[in-house]
C-alpha atoms as a PDB file:
ATOM      1  CA  UNK A   1       0.201 365.930 -76.972  1.00  0.00           C
ATOM      2  CA  UNK A   2       4.253 365.133 -75.518  1.00  0.00           C
ATOM      3  CA  UNK A   3       6.893 367.587 -75.095  1.00  0.00           C
ATOM      4  CA  UNK A   4      10.228 366.622 -74.084  1.00  0.00           C
ATOM      5  CA  UNK A   5      13.474 368.497 -72.737  1.00  0.00           C
ATOM      6  CA  UNK A   6      16.616 366.414 -73.276  1.00  0.00           C
ATOM      7  CA  UNK A   7      19.307 366.624 -70.390  1.00  0.00           C
ATOM      8  CA  UNK A   8      22.142 364.387 -69.788  1.00  0.00           C
ATOM      9  CA  UNK A   9      21.879 364.336 -66.216  1.00  0.00           C
ATOM     10  CA  UNK A  10      24.933 363.299 -65.947  1.00  0.00           C
ATOM     11  CA  UNK A  11      26.656 365.616 -68.418  1.00  0.00           C
ATOM     12  CA  UNK A  12      30.148 367.912 -67.407  1.00  0.00           C
ATOM     13  CA  UNK A  13      27.397 370.819 -67.874  1.00  0.00           C
ATOM     14  CA  UNK A  14      24.406 372.258 -66.115  1.00  0.00           C
ATOM     15  CA  UNK A  15      21.667 372.452 -68.203  1.00  0.00           C
ATOM     16  CA  UNK A  16      19.341 373.435 -65.380  1.00  0.00           C
ATOM     17  CA  UNK A  17      21.538 376.587 -65.011  1.00  0.00           C
ATOM     18  CA  UNK A  18      20.945 379.568 -66.443  1.00  0.00           C
ATOM     19  CA  UNK A  19      23.505 378.833 -69.385  1.00  0.00           C
ATOM     20  CA  UNK A  20      22.158 376.913 -72.065  1.00  0.00           C
ATOM     21  CA  UNK A  21      24.159 373.990 -74.467  1.00  0.00           C
ATOM     22  CA  UNK A  22      23.934 372.507 -76.934  1.00  0.00           C
ATOM     23  CA  UNK A  23      22.637 369.308 -75.267  1.00  0.00           C
ATOM     24  CA  UNK A  24      19.933 370.747 -73.971  1.00  0.00           C
ATOM     25  CA  UNK A  25      16.839 370.414 -76.436  1.00  0.00           C
ATOM     26  CA  UNK A  26      13.063 370.701 -76.350  1.00  0.00           C
ATOM     27  CA  UNK A  27      10.902 369.102 -78.683  1.00  0.00           C
ATOM     28  CA  UNK A  28       7.175 368.992 -79.854  1.00  0.00           C
ATOM     29  CA  UNK A  29       6.639 366.241 -82.165  1.00  0.00           C
ATOM     30  CA  UNK A  30       2.750 367.251 -82.852  1.00  0.00           C
ATOM     31  CA  UNK A  31       2.174 368.312 -86.323  1.00  0.00           C
ATOM     32  CA  UNK A  32       0.052 371.282 -85.756  1.00  0.00           C
ATOM     33  CA  UNK A  33       2.126 372.371 -83.074  1.00  0.00           C
ATOM     34  CA  UNK A  34       4.770 375.353 -84.905  1.00  0.00           C
ATOM     35  CA  UNK A  35       8.117 373.832 -83.973  1.00  0.00           C
ATOM     36  CA  UNK A  36      10.602 377.130 -83.149  1.00  0.00           C
ATOM     37  CA  UNK A  37      13.654 375.128 -82.745  1.00  0.00           C
ATOM     38  CA  UNK A  38      16.075 374.492 -85.131  1.00  0.00           C
ATOM     39  CA  UNK A  39      15.026 371.480 -87.946  1.00  0.00           C
ATOM     40  CA  UNK A  40      17.981 369.627 -86.354  1.00  0.00           C
ATOM     41  CA  UNK A  41      16.307 368.688 -83.394  1.00  0.00           C
ATOM     42  CA  UNK A  42      14.764 364.947 -83.109  1.00  0.00           C
ATOM     43  CA  UNK A  43      11.318 363.754 -83.268  1.00  0.00           C
ATOM     44  CA  UNK A  44       9.875 361.526 -80.804  1.00  0.00           C
ATOM     45  CA  UNK A  45       9.945 358.807 -80.332  1.00  0.00           C
ATOM     46  CA  UNK A  46      14.154 358.522 -80.339  1.00  0.00           C
ATOM     47  CA  UNK A  47      15.860 356.223 -82.510  1.00  0.00           C
ATOM     48  CA  UNK A  48      19.098 354.571 -81.541  1.00  0.00           C
ATOM     49  CA  UNK A  49      21.651 357.340 -83.358  1.00  0.00           C
ATOM     50  CA  UNK A  50      19.550 360.316 -82.101  1.00  0.00           C
ATOM     51  CA  UNK A  51      19.399 358.896 -78.081  1.00  0.00           C
ATOM     52  CA  UNK A  52      23.059 357.976 -78.683  1.00  0.00           C
ATOM     53  CA  UNK A  53      24.225 362.178 -79.496  1.00  0.00           C
ATOM     54  CA  UNK A  54      21.804 362.867 -76.154  1.00  0.00           C
ATOM     55  CA  UNK A  55      23.352 360.211 -73.794  1.00  0.00           C
ATOM     56  CA  UNK A  56      25.667 361.484 -70.823  1.00  0.00           C
ATOM     57  CA  UNK A  57      29.464 359.493 -70.712  1.00  0.00           C
ATOM     58  CA  UNK A  58      27.731 356.843 -68.636  1.00  0.00           C
ATOM     59  CA  UNK A  59      25.227 356.328 -71.020  1.00  0.00           C
ATOM     60  CA  UNK A  60      22.166 357.640 -68.983  1.00  0.00           C
ATOM     61  CA  UNK A  61      19.176 359.961 -71.143  1.00  0.00           C
ATOM     62  CA  UNK A  62      17.366 362.141 -69.300  1.00  0.00           C
ATOM     63  CA  UNK A  63      13.655 363.577 -70.808  1.00  0.00           C
ATOM     64  CA  UNK A  64      11.038 365.421 -70.010  1.00  0.00           C
ATOM     65  CA  UNK A  65       7.636 364.315 -70.995  1.00  0.00           C
ATOM     66  CA  UNK A  66       4.228 364.969 -70.783  1.00  0.00           C
ATOM     67  CA  UNK A  67       2.194 362.213 -69.907  1.00  0.00           C
ATOM     68  CA  UNK A  68      -1.454 361.661 -69.720  1.00  0.00           C
ATOM     69  CA  UNK A  69      -2.465 361.245 -66.364  1.00  0.00           C
ATOM     70  CA  UNK A  70      -5.045 358.910 -66.183  1.00  0.00           C
ATOM     71  CA  UNK A  71      -2.506 356.902 -67.675  1.00  0.00           C
ATOM     72  CA  UNK A  72       0.522 357.395 -65.276  1.00  0.00           C
ATOM     73  CA  UNK A  73      -1.816 356.894 -62.392  1.00  0.00           C
ATOM     74  CA  UNK A  74      -3.121 353.475 -63.817  1.00  0.00           C
ATOM     75  CA  UNK A  75       0.422 352.490 -64.488  1.00  0.00           C
ATOM     76  CA  UNK A  76       1.349 353.720 -60.560  1.00  0.00           C
ATOM     77  CA  UNK A  77      -1.183 351.333 -59.512  1.00  0.00           C
ATOM     78  CA  UNK A  78      -0.454 348.409 -62.337  1.00  0.00           C
ATOM     79  CA  UNK A  79       3.196 348.536 -61.089  1.00  0.00           C
ATOM     80  CA  UNK A  80       2.015 348.678 -57.280  1.00  0.00           C
ATOM     81  CA  UNK A  81      -0.509 345.507 -57.293  1.00  0.00           C
ATOM     82  CA  UNK A  82       2.515 343.333 -59.547  1.00  0.00           C
ATOM     83  CA  UNK A  83      -0.685 343.720 -62.257  1.00  0.00           C
ATOM     84  CA  UNK A  84       1.461 345.641 -65.161  1.00  0.00           C
ATOM     85  CA  UNK A  85       3.457 348.232 -66.604  1.00  0.00           C
ATOM     86  CA  UNK A  86       5.504 350.518 -64.515  1.00  0.00           C
ATOM     87  CA  UNK A  87       5.580 354.464 -64.869  1.00  0.00           C
ATOM     88  CA  UNK A  88       9.094 353.906 -66.142  1.00  0.00           C
ATOM     89  CA  UNK A  89       7.693 351.672 -69.321  1.00  0.00           C
ATOM     90  CA  UNK A  90       4.971 354.030 -70.111  1.00  0.00           C
ATOM     91  CA  UNK A  91       7.429 357.066 -70.338  1.00  0.00           C
ATOM     92  CA  UNK A  92       9.923 354.729 -71.679  1.00  0.00           C
ATOM     93  CA  UNK A  93       7.687 353.941 -74.635  1.00  0.00           C
ATOM     94  CA  UNK A  94       7.083 357.841 -75.308  1.00  0.00           C
ATOM     95  CA  UNK A  95      10.606 358.861 -75.293  1.00  0.00           C
ATOM     96  CA  UNK A  96      12.066 356.181 -77.187  1.00  0.00           C
ATOM     97  CA  UNK A  97      11.810 353.484 -79.973  1.00  0.00           C
ATOM     98  CA  UNK A  98      13.848 350.548 -78.595  1.00  0.00           C
ATOM     99  CA  UNK A  99      14.896 349.251 -75.552  1.00  0.00           C
ATOM    100  CA  UNK A 100      13.314 348.924 -72.349  1.00  0.00           C
ATOM    101  CA  UNK A 101      13.657 350.607 -69.062  1.00  0.00           C
ATOM    102  CA  UNK A 102      16.299 349.951 -67.210  1.00  0.00           C
ATOM    103  CA  UNK A 103      18.462 352.059 -63.973  1.00  0.00           C
ATOM    104  CA  UNK A 104      15.095 354.440 -64.629  1.00  0.00           C
ATOM    105  CA  UNK A 105      13.231 356.620 -63.022  1.00  0.00           C
ATOM    106  CA  UNK A 106       9.947 358.612 -63.552  1.00  0.00           C
ATOM    107  CA  UNK A 107       9.242 361.335 -61.354  1.00  0.00           C
ATOM    108  CA  UNK A 108       6.791 364.184 -61.400  1.00  0.00           C
ATOM    109  CA  UNK A 109       7.805 367.374 -61.722  1.00  0.00           C
ATOM    110  CA  UNK A 110       4.698 369.295 -62.799  1.00  0.00           C
ATOM    111  CA  UNK A 111       1.167 369.430 -64.247  1.00  0.00           C
ATOM    112  CA  UNK A 112      -0.281 370.883 -67.391  1.00  0.00           C
ATOM    113  CA  UNK A 113      -3.793 370.666 -67.930  1.00  0.00           C
ATOM    114  CA  UNK A 114      -4.547 367.220 -68.304  1.00  0.00           C
ATOM    115  CA  UNK A 115      -0.766 365.918 -68.068  1.00  0.00           C
ATOM    116  CA  UNK A 116       1.558 364.985 -65.716  1.00  0.00           C
ATOM    117  CA  UNK A 117       4.988 366.576 -66.697  1.00  0.00           C
ATOM    118  CA  UNK A 118       7.244 364.015 -66.129  1.00  0.00           C
ATOM    119  CA  UNK A 119      11.705 363.768 -65.500  1.00  0.00           C
ATOM    120  CA  UNK A 120      12.560 359.903 -67.260  1.00  0.00           C
ATOM    121  CA  UNK A 121      16.163 358.641 -65.980  1.00  0.00           C
ATOM    122  CA  UNK A 122      16.786 355.584 -68.009  1.00  0.00           C
ATOM    123  CA  UNK A 123      20.205 353.851 -69.588  1.00  0.00           C
ATOM    124  CA  UNK A 124      20.484 353.080 -72.727  1.00  0.00           C
ATOM    125  CA  UNK A 125      23.833 352.574 -73.439  1.00  0.00           C
ATOM    126  CA  UNK A 126      23.311 348.615 -73.754  1.00  0.00           C
ATOM    127  CA  UNK A 127      21.180 349.144 -76.442  1.00  0.00           C
ATOM    128  CA  UNK A 128      23.708 350.911 -78.627  1.00  0.00           C
ATOM    129  CA  UNK A 129      26.747 348.621 -77.959  1.00  0.00           C
ATOM    130  CA  UNK A 130      24.837 346.077 -80.697  1.00  0.00           C
END
């Protein structure tokens, strides 16, 4: 299961505060899980239009994804040894249906069962300008 929280990291409002704004969205794309969110919530991976709607004015999107721990650690090792894709590549693939990680970061913020809760930020504006 992949759960995502979309939060423009550099938006004029603060989604981490106790106030909620329309830019703060939690998404559960798994069909077997009952979706308690508004029907207009985006499905994953995000397409260009959905990502643009969530992008901050600087061109960044931050998502929180649940990623398999073993796969995530495989990407960490592969990235460190230069033998494969990075954790940012893994997070980007789960979150977006286009582009590649650019000016990106993936940070483990928690654990849920066998999954890491990862905050992933990437610059996407360049993919939307075409």
